[in-house]
Amino acid sequence: MIWQLSYATLILVMVCAVASLWIRDLMGAAILFGAYSFLMCTQWLAMGAVDVAFTEAAIGAGISSALVFAAIFRTTRRSKD
């Protein structure tokens, strides 16, 4: 991978990580967490760790995001802010 593209992806990973911690909406945080996992998958793939990238895509971006979305949909919102 071109090093500029790798650095840009790394910056996006850090932005997604920090934004998912600061955002107040649970759905938004879950979406950012899924994007973080997908971007980490591309970073692992760029480093040549195909098995780690596949595991990150399957578990980090797939199953974990689905479980977080399911948990959010089973909760109710108490405040309107």
PDB file of N, CA and C in Angstrom:
ATOM      1  N   MET A   1       0.851  -1.177   0.000  1.00  0.00           N
ATOM      2  CA  MET A   1       0.000   0.000   0.000  1.00  0.00           C
ATOM      3  C   MET A   1       0.885   1.224   0.000  1.00  0.00           C
ATOM      4  N   ILE A   2       0.453   2.243  -0.667  1.00  0.00           N
ATOM      5  CA  ILE A   2       1.192   3.502  -0.726  1.00  0.00           C
ATOM      6  C   ILE A   2       1.215   4.105   0.671  1.00  0.00           C
ATOM      7  N   TRP A   3       2.386   4.628   1.070  1.00  0.00           N
ATOM      8  CA  TRP A   3       2.521   5.084   2.455  1.00  0.00           C
ATOM      9  C   TRP A   3       1.614   6.264   2.774  1.00  0.00           C
ATOM     10  N   GLN A   4       1.306   7.119   1.803  1.00  0.00           N
ATOM     11  CA  GLN A   4       0.394   8.226   2.067  1.00  0.00           C
ATOM     12  C   GLN A   4      -1.008   7.713   2.372  1.00  0.00           C
ATOM     13  N   LEU A   5      -1.418   6.688   1.638  1.00  0.00           N
ATOM     14  CA  LEU A   5      -2.740   6.099   1.867  1.00  0.00           C
ATOM     15  C   LEU A   5      -2.784   5.389   3.218  1.00  0.00           C
ATOM     16  N   SER A   6      -1.674   4.772   3.582  1.00  0.00           N
ATOM     17  CA  SER A   6      -1.600   4.110   4.877  1.00  0.00           C
ATOM     18  C   SER A   6      -1.682   5.118   6.018  1.00  0.00           C
ATOM     19  N   TYR A   7      -0.986   6.248   5.894  1.00  0.00           N
ATOM     20  CA  TYR A   7      -1.068   7.282   6.928  1.00  0.00           C
ATOM     21  C   TYR A   7      -2.460   7.898   7.001  1.00  0.00           C
ATOM     22  N   ALA A   8      -3.079   8.107   5.849  1.00  0.00           N
ATOM     23  CA  ALA A   8      -4.434   8.657   5.843  1.00  0.00           C
ATOM     24  C   ALA A   8      -5.414   7.693   6.525  1.00  0.00           C
ATOM     25  N   THR A   9      -5.258   6.414   6.278  1.00  0.00           N
ATOM     26  CA  THR A   9      -6.113   5.421   6.934  1.00  0.00           C
ATOM     27  C   THR A   9      -5.850   5.388   8.427  1.00  0.00           C
ATOM     28  N   LEU A  10      -4.590   5.516   8.820  1.00  0.00           N
ATOM     29  CA  LEU A  10      -4.256   5.529  10.242  1.00  0.00           C
ATOM     30  C   LEU A  10      -4.862   6.743  10.939  1.00  0.00           C
ATOM     31  N   ILE A  11      -4.844   7.891  10.280  1.00  0.00           N
ATOM     32  CA  ILE A  11      -5.469   9.090  10.850  1.00  0.00           C
ATOM     33  C   ILE A  11      -6.970   8.895  10.979  1.00  0.00           C
ATOM     34  N   LEU A  12      -7.588   8.282   9.972  1.00  0.00           N
ATOM     35  CA  LEU A  12      -9.022   8.006  10.047  1.00  0.00           C
ATOM     36  C   LEU A  12      -9.350   7.030  11.180  1.00  0.00           C
ATOM     37  N   VAL A  13      -8.465   6.057  11.418  1.00  0.00           N
ATOM     38  CA  VAL A  13      -8.655   5.129  12.532  1.00  0.00           C
ATOM     39  C   VAL A  13      -8.664   5.885  13.856  1.00  0.00           C
ATOM     40  N   MET A  14      -7.695   6.810  14.003  1.00  0.00           N
ATOM     41  CA  MET A  14      -7.633   7.574  15.252  1.00  0.00           C
ATOM     42  C   MET A  14      -8.842   8.494  15.400  1.00  0.00           C
ATOM     43  N   VAL A  15      -9.286   9.096  14.315  1.00  0.00           N
ATOM     44  CA  VAL A  15     -10.461   9.978  14.370  1.00  0.00           C
ATOM     45  C   VAL A  15     -11.703   9.175  14.751  1.00  0.00           C
ATOM     46  N   CYS A  16     -11.861   7.990  14.165  1.00  0.00           N
ATOM     47  CA  CYS A  16     -13.021   7.158  14.499  1.00  0.00           C
ATOM     48  C   CYS A  16     -12.974   6.719  15.962  1.00  0.00           C
ATOM     49  N   ALA A  17     -11.784   6.377  16.458  1.00  0.00           N
ATOM     50  CA  ALA A  17     -11.668   5.939  17.841  1.00  0.00           C
ATOM     51  C   ALA A  17     -12.020   7.057  18.813  1.00  0.00           C
ATOM     52  N   VAL A  18     -11.484   8.236  18.584  1.00  0.00           N
ATOM     53  CA  VAL A  18     -11.758   9.363  19.481  1.00  0.00           C
ATOM     54  C   VAL A  18     -13.212   9.815  19.354  1.00  0.00           C
ATOM     55  N   ALA A  19     -13.720   9.850  18.134  1.00  0.00           N
ATOM     56  CA  ALA A  19     -15.107  10.292  17.933  1.00  0.00           C
ATOM     57  C   ALA A  19     -16.097   9.312  18.545  1.00  0.00           C
ATOM     58  N   SER A  20     -15.803   8.025  18.485  1.00  0.00           N
ATOM     59  CA  SER A  20     -16.726   7.055  19.089  1.00  0.00           C
ATOM     60  C   SER A  20     -16.749   7.168  20.607  1.00  0.00           C
ATOM     61  N   LEU A  21     -15.691   7.699  21.198  1.00  0.00           N
ATOM     62  CA  LEU A  21     -15.685   7.918  22.642  1.00  0.00           C
ATOM     63  C   LEU A  21     -16.408   9.198  23.027  1.00  0.00           C
ATOM     64  N   TRP A  22     -16.388  10.216  22.155  1.00  0.00           N
ATOM     65  CA  TRP A  22     -16.943  11.525  22.500  1.00  0.00           C
ATOM     66  C   TRP A  22     -18.386  11.712  22.075  1.00  0.00           C
ATOM     67  N   ILE A  23     -18.843  10.934  21.124  1.00  0.00           N
ATOM     68  CA  ILE A  23     -20.198  11.142  20.618  1.00  0.00           C
ATOM     69  C   ILE A  23     -21.208  10.700  21.672  1.00  0.00           C
ATOM     70  N   ARG A  24     -22.333  11.403  21.747  1.00  0.00           N
ATOM     71  CA  ARG A  24     -23.319  11.129  22.794  1.00  0.00           C
ATOM     72  C   ARG A  24     -24.390  10.139  22.342  1.00  0.00           C
ATOM     73  N   ASP A  25     -24.575   9.978  21.052  1.00  0.00           N
ATOM     74  CA  ASP A  25     -25.587   9.076  20.530  1.00  0.00           C
ATOM     75  C   ASP A  25     -25.024   7.650  20.432  1.00  0.00           C
ATOM     76  N   LEU A  26     -25.752   6.678  20.965  1.00  0.00           N
ATOM     77  CA  LEU A  26     -25.264   5.306  20.964  1.00  0.00           C
ATOM     78  C   LEU A  26     -25.177   4.727  19.558  1.00  0.00           C
ATOM     79  N   MET A  27     -26.164   5.032  18.723  1.00  0.00           N
ATOM     80  CA  MET A  27     -26.140   4.510  17.360  1.00  0.00           C
ATOM     81  C   MET A  27     -24.961   5.068  16.576  1.00  0.00           C
ATOM     82  N   GLY A  28     -24.695   6.344  16.751  1.00  0.00           N
ATOM     83  CA  GLY A  28     -23.545   6.961  16.092  1.00  0.00           C
ATOM     84  C   GLY A  28     -22.232   6.363  16.562  1.00  0.00           C
ATOM     85  N   ALA A  29     -22.149   6.115  17.863  1.00  0.00           N
ATOM     86  CA  ALA A  29     -20.937   5.504  18.396  1.00  0.00           C
ATOM     87  C   ALA A  29     -20.756   4.087  17.860  1.00  0.00           C
ATOM     88  N   ALA A  30     -21.864   3.345  17.718  1.00  0.00           N
ATOM     89  CA  ALA A  30     -21.767   1.990  17.178  1.00  0.00           C
ATOM     90  C   ALA A  30     -21.330   2.004  15.718  1.00  0.00           C
ATOM     91  N   ILE A  31     -21.834   2.962  14.953  1.00  0.00           N
ATOM     92  CA  ILE A  31     -21.433   3.071  13.548  1.00  0.00           C
ATOM     93  C   ILE A  31     -19.956   3.438  13.446  1.00  0.00           C
ATOM     94  N   LEU A  32     -19.509   4.364  14.284  1.00  0.00           N
ATOM     95  CA  LEU A  32     -18.092   4.734  14.269  1.00  0.00           C
ATOM     96  C   LEU A  32     -17.215   3.571  14.709  1.00  0.00           C
ATOM     97  N   PHE A  33     -17.701   2.780  15.651  1.00  0.00           N
ATOM     98  CA  PHE A  33     -16.944   1.608  16.087  1.00  0.00           C
ATOM     99  C   PHE A  33     -16.824   0.587  14.960  1.00  0.00           C
ATOM    100  N   GLY A  34     -17.874   0.412  14.178  1.00  0.00           N
ATOM    101  CA  GLY A  34     -17.813  -0.482  13.019  1.00  0.00           C
ATOM    102  C   GLY A  34     -16.851   0.031  11.962  1.00  0.00           C
ATOM    103  N   ALA A  35     -16.866   1.359  11.738  1.00  0.00           N
ATOM    104  CA  ALA A  35     -15.929   1.956  10.784  1.00  0.00           C
ATOM    105  C   ALA A  35     -14.497   1.795  11.270  1.00  0.00           C
ATOM    106  N   TYR A  36     -14.300   1.956  12.586  1.00  0.00           N
ATOM    107  CA  TYR A  36     -12.969   1.753  13.173  1.00  0.00           C
ATOM    108  C   TYR A  36     -12.474   0.330  12.917  1.00  0.00           C
ATOM    109  N   SER A  37     -13.338  -0.644  13.124  1.00  0.00           N
ATOM    110  CA  SER A  37     -12.944  -2.032  12.913  1.00  0.00           C
ATOM    111  C   SER A  37     -12.637  -2.308  11.445  1.00  0.00           C
ATOM    112  N   PHE A  38     -13.439  -1.742  10.549  1.00  0.00           N
ATOM    113  CA  PHE A  38     -13.175  -1.927   9.123  1.00  0.00           C
ATOM    114  C   PHE A  38     -11.851  -1.302   8.716  1.00  0.00           C
ATOM    115  N   LEU A  39     -11.564  -0.093   9.220  1.00  0.00           N
ATOM    116  CA  LEU A  39     -10.300   0.564   8.884  1.00  0.00           C
ATOM    117  C   LEU A  39      -9.110  -0.189   9.462  1.00  0.00           C
ATOM    118  N   MET A  40      -9.282  -0.749  10.656  1.00  0.00           N
ATOM    119  CA  MET A  40      -8.199  -1.576  11.220  1.00  0.00           C
ATOM    120  C   MET A  40      -7.988  -2.825  10.376  1.00  0.00           C
ATOM    121  N   CYS A  41      -9.070  -3.361   9.820  1.00  0.00           N
ATOM    122  CA  CYS A  41      -8.954  -4.514   8.931  1.00  0.00           C
ATOM    123  C   CYS A  41      -8.096  -4.170   7.711  1.00  0.00           C
ATOM    124  N   THR A  42      -8.316  -2.984   7.149  1.00  0.00           N
ATOM    125  CA  THR A  42      -7.507  -2.588   5.997  1.00  0.00           C
ATOM    126  C   THR A  42      -6.048  -2.373   6.384  1.00  0.00           C
ATOM    127  N   GLN A  43      -5.824  -1.881   7.603  1.00  0.00           N
ATOM    128  CA  GLN A  43      -4.439  -1.702   8.061  1.00  0.00           C
ATOM    129  C   GLN A  43      -3.739  -3.049   8.230  1.00  0.00           C
ATOM    130  N   TRP A  44      -4.434  -4.010   8.808  1.00  0.00           N
ATOM    131  CA  TRP A  44      -3.842  -5.343   8.952  1.00  0.00           C
ATOM    132  C   TRP A  44      -3.565  -5.948   7.594  1.00  0.00           C
ATOM    133  N   LEU A  45      -4.461  -5.750   6.654  1.00  0.00           N
ATOM    134  CA  LEU A  45      -4.276  -6.277   5.303  1.00  0.00           C
ATOM    135  C   LEU A  45      -3.090  -5.611   4.620  1.00  0.00           C
ATOM    136  N   ALA A  46      -2.901  -4.312   4.834  1.00  0.00           N
ATOM    137  CA  ALA A  46      -1.768  -3.604   4.246  1.00  0.00           C
ATOM    138  C   ALA A  46      -0.446  -4.084   4.820  1.00  0.00           C
ATOM    139  N   MET A  47      -0.462  -4.536   6.073  1.00  0.00           N
ATOM    140  CA  MET A  47       0.768  -5.032   6.692  1.00  0.00           C
ATOM    141  C   MET A  47       1.046  -6.480   6.350  1.00  0.00           C
ATOM    142  N   GLY A  48       0.151  -7.114   5.601  1.00  0.00           N
ATOM    143  CA  GLY A  48       0.380  -8.483   5.174  1.00  0.00           C
ATOM    144  C   GLY A  48      -0.141  -9.540   6.108  1.00  0.00           C
ATOM    145  N   ALA A  49      -0.860  -9.152   7.139  1.00  0.00           N
ATOM    146  CA  ALA A  49      -1.422 -10.112   8.090  1.00  0.00           C
ATOM    147  C   ALA A  49      -2.858 -10.436   7.658  1.00  0.00           C
ATOM    148  N   VAL A  50      -2.967 -11.312   6.683  1.00  0.00           N
ATOM    149  CA  VAL A  50      -4.271 -11.599   6.092  1.00  0.00           C
ATOM    150  C   VAL A  50      -5.188 -12.297   7.085  1.00  0.00           C
ATOM    151  N   ASP A  51      -4.635 -13.212   7.876  1.00  0.00           N
ATOM    152  CA  ASP A  51      -5.475 -13.929   8.840  1.00  0.00           C
ATOM    153  C   ASP A  51      -6.007 -12.998   9.929  1.00  0.00           C
ATOM    154  N   VAL A  52      -5.192 -12.057  10.384  1.00  0.00           N
ATOM    155  CA  VAL A  52      -5.644 -11.095  11.383  1.00  0.00           C
ATOM    156  C   VAL A  52      -6.680 -10.150  10.781  1.00  0.00           C
ATOM    157  N   ALA A  53      -6.468  -9.753   9.523  1.00  0.00           N
ATOM    158  CA  ALA A  53      -7.432  -8.884   8.842  1.00  0.00           C
ATOM    159  C   ALA A  53      -8.769  -9.588   8.677  1.00  0.00           C
ATOM    160  N   PHE A  54      -8.734 -10.857   8.324  1.00  0.00           N
ATOM    161  CA  PHE A  54      -9.978 -11.606   8.164  1.00  0.00           C
ATOM    162  C   PHE A  54     -10.702 -11.745   9.499  1.00  0.00           C
ATOM    163  N   THR A  55      -9.969 -12.001  10.554  1.00  0.00           N
ATOM    164  CA  THR A  55     -10.574 -12.116  11.883  1.00  0.00           C
ATOM    165  C   THR A  55     -11.152 -10.781  12.334  1.00  0.00           C
ATOM    166  N   GLU A  56     -10.427  -9.685  12.081  1.00  0.00           N
ATOM    167  CA  GLU A  56     -10.922  -8.359  12.445  1.00  0.00           C
ATOM    168  C   GLU A  56     -12.188  -8.019  11.675  1.00  0.00           C
ATOM    169  N   ALA A  57     -12.231  -8.389  10.407  1.00  0.00           N
ATOM    170  CA  ALA A  57     -13.431  -8.110   9.609  1.00  0.00           C
ATOM    171  C   ALA A  57     -14.612  -8.937  10.096  1.00  0.00           C
ATOM    172  N   ALA A  58     -14.371 -10.199  10.397  1.00  0.00           N
ATOM    173  CA  ALA A  58     -15.471 -11.078  10.795  1.00  0.00           C
ATOM    174  C   ALA A  58     -15.976 -10.759  12.193  1.00  0.00           C
ATOM    175  N   ILE A  59     -15.068 -10.612  13.130  1.00  0.00           N
ATOM    176  CA  ILE A  59     -15.470 -10.422  14.525  1.00  0.00           C
ATOM    177  C   ILE A  59     -15.628  -8.948  14.864  1.00  0.00           C
ATOM    178  N   GLY A  60     -14.641  -8.123  14.530  1.00  0.00           N
ATOM    179  CA  GLY A  60     -14.690  -6.716  14.912  1.00  0.00           C
ATOM    180  C   GLY A  60     -15.753  -5.928  14.182  1.00  0.00           C
ATOM    181  N   ALA A  61     -15.760  -6.020  12.860  1.00  0.00           N
ATOM    182  CA  ALA A  61     -16.718  -5.230  12.087  1.00  0.00           C
ATOM    183  C   ALA A  61     -18.044  -5.953  11.911  1.00  0.00           C
ATOM    184  N   GLY A  62     -18.051  -7.260  11.961  1.00  0.00           N
ATOM    185  CA  GLY A  62     -19.278  -8.002  11.705  1.00  0.00           C
ATOM    186  C   GLY A  62     -20.066  -8.349  12.941  1.00  0.00           C
ATOM    187  N   ILE A  63     -19.567  -9.295  13.695  1.00  0.00           N
ATOM    188  CA  ILE A  63     -20.332  -9.833  14.828  1.00  0.00           C
ATOM    189  C   ILE A  63     -20.479  -8.798  15.943  1.00  0.00           C
ATOM    190  N   SER A  64     -19.394  -8.106  16.285  1.00  0.00           N
ATOM    191  CA  SER A  64     -19.482  -7.115  17.371  1.00  0.00           C
ATOM    192  C   SER A  64     -20.451  -5.992  17.026  1.00  0.00           C
ATOM    193  N   SER A  65     -20.388  -5.507  15.790  1.00  0.00           N
ATOM    194  CA  SER A  65     -21.314  -4.440  15.397  1.00  0.00           C
ATOM    195  C   SER A  65     -22.750  -4.934  15.423  1.00  0.00           C
ATOM    196  N   ALA A  66     -22.985  -6.147  14.968  1.00  0.00           N
ATOM    197  CA  ALA A  66     -24.349  -6.693  14.984  1.00  0.00           C
ATOM    198  C   ALA A  66     -24.866  -6.840  16.410  1.00  0.00           C
ATOM    199  N   LEU A  67     -24.013  -7.283  17.325  1.00  0.00           N
ATOM    200  CA  LEU A  67     -24.429  -7.423  18.718  1.00  0.00           C
ATOM    201  C   LEU A  67     -24.700  -6.065  19.361  1.00  0.00           C
ATOM    202  N   VAL A  68     -23.882  -5.063  19.054  1.00  0.00           N
ATOM    203  CA  VAL A  68     -24.101  -3.727  19.607  1.00  0.00           C
ATOM    204  C   VAL A  68     -25.395  -3.128  19.057  1.00  0.00           C
ATOM    205  N   PHE A  69     -25.633  -3.294  17.755  1.00  0.00           N
ATOM    206  CA  PHE A  69     -26.889  -2.798  17.173  1.00  0.00           C
ATOM    207  C   PHE A  69     -28.090  -3.504  17.790  1.00  0.00           C
ATOM    208  N   ALA A  70     -27.993  -4.809  18.008  1.00  0.00           N
ATOM    209  CA  ALA A  70     -29.103  -5.543  18.622  1.00  0.00           C
ATOM    210  C   ALA A  70     -29.361  -5.053  20.038  1.00  0.00           C
ATOM    211  N   ALA A  71     -28.290  -4.781  20.778  1.00  0.00           N
ATOM    212  CA  ALA A  71     -28.459  -4.284  22.145  1.00  0.00           C
ATOM    213  C   ALA A  71     -29.081  -2.891  22.150  1.00  0.00           C
ATOM    214  N   ILE A  72     -28.695  -2.042  21.204  1.00  0.00           N
ATOM    215  CA  ILE A  72     -29.264  -0.694  21.139  1.00  0.00           C
ATOM    216  C   ILE A  72     -30.741  -0.755  20.782  1.00  0.00           C
ATOM    217  N   PHE A  73     -31.114  -1.626  19.854  1.00  0.00           N
ATOM    218  CA  PHE A  73     -32.512  -1.705  19.458  1.00  0.00           C
ATOM    219  C   PHE A  73     -33.397  -2.293  20.550  1.00  0.00           C
ATOM    220  N   ARG A  74     -32.818  -3.021  21.498  1.00  0.00           N
ATOM    221  CA  ARG A  74     -33.599  -3.582  22.588  1.00  0.00           C
ATOM    222  C   ARG A  74     -33.732  -2.625  23.770  1.00  0.00           C
ATOM    223  N   THR A  75     -33.038  -1.502  23.740  1.00  0.00           N
ATOM    224  CA  THR A  75     -33.143  -0.517  24.818  1.00  0.00           C
ATOM    225  C   THR A  75     -34.101   0.584  24.391  1.00  0.00           C
ATOM    226  N   THR A  76     -34.541   1.367  25.373  1.00  0.00           N
ATOM    227  CA  THR A  76     -35.412   2.499  25.079  1.00  0.00           C
ATOM    228  C   THR A  76     -34.688   3.778  25.451  1.00  0.00           C
ATOM    229  N   ARG A  77     -35.059   4.857  24.785  1.00  0.00           N
ATOM    230  CA  ARG A  77     -34.468   6.159  25.075  1.00  0.00           C
ATOM    231  C   ARG A  77     -35.291   6.834  26.156  1.00  0.00           C
ATOM    232  N   ARG A  78     -34.609   7.347  27.160  1.00  0.00           N
ATOM    233  CA  ARG A  78     -35.294   8.008  28.267  1.00  0.00           C
ATOM    234  C   ARG A  78     -35.279   9.512  28.142  1.00  0.00           C
ATOM    235  N   SER A  79     -34.264  10.072  27.492  1.00  0.00           N
ATOM    236  CA  SER A  79     -34.193  11.520  27.373  1.00  0.00           C
ATOM    237  C   SER A  79     -34.354  11.912  25.909  1.00  0.00           C
ATOM    238  N   LYS A  80     -34.681  13.162  25.700  1.00  0.00           N
ATOM    239  CA  LYS A  80     -34.906  13.667  24.344  1.00  0.00           C
ATOM    240  C   LYS A  80     -33.858  14.693  23.959  1.00  0.00           C
ATOM    241  N   ASP A  81     -32.621  14.553  24.395  1.00  0.00           N
ATOM    242  CA  ASP A  81     -31.595  15.523  24.009  1.00  0.00           C
ATOM    243  C   ASP A  81     -30.771  14.999  22.921  1.00  0.00           C
TER     244      ASP A  81
END
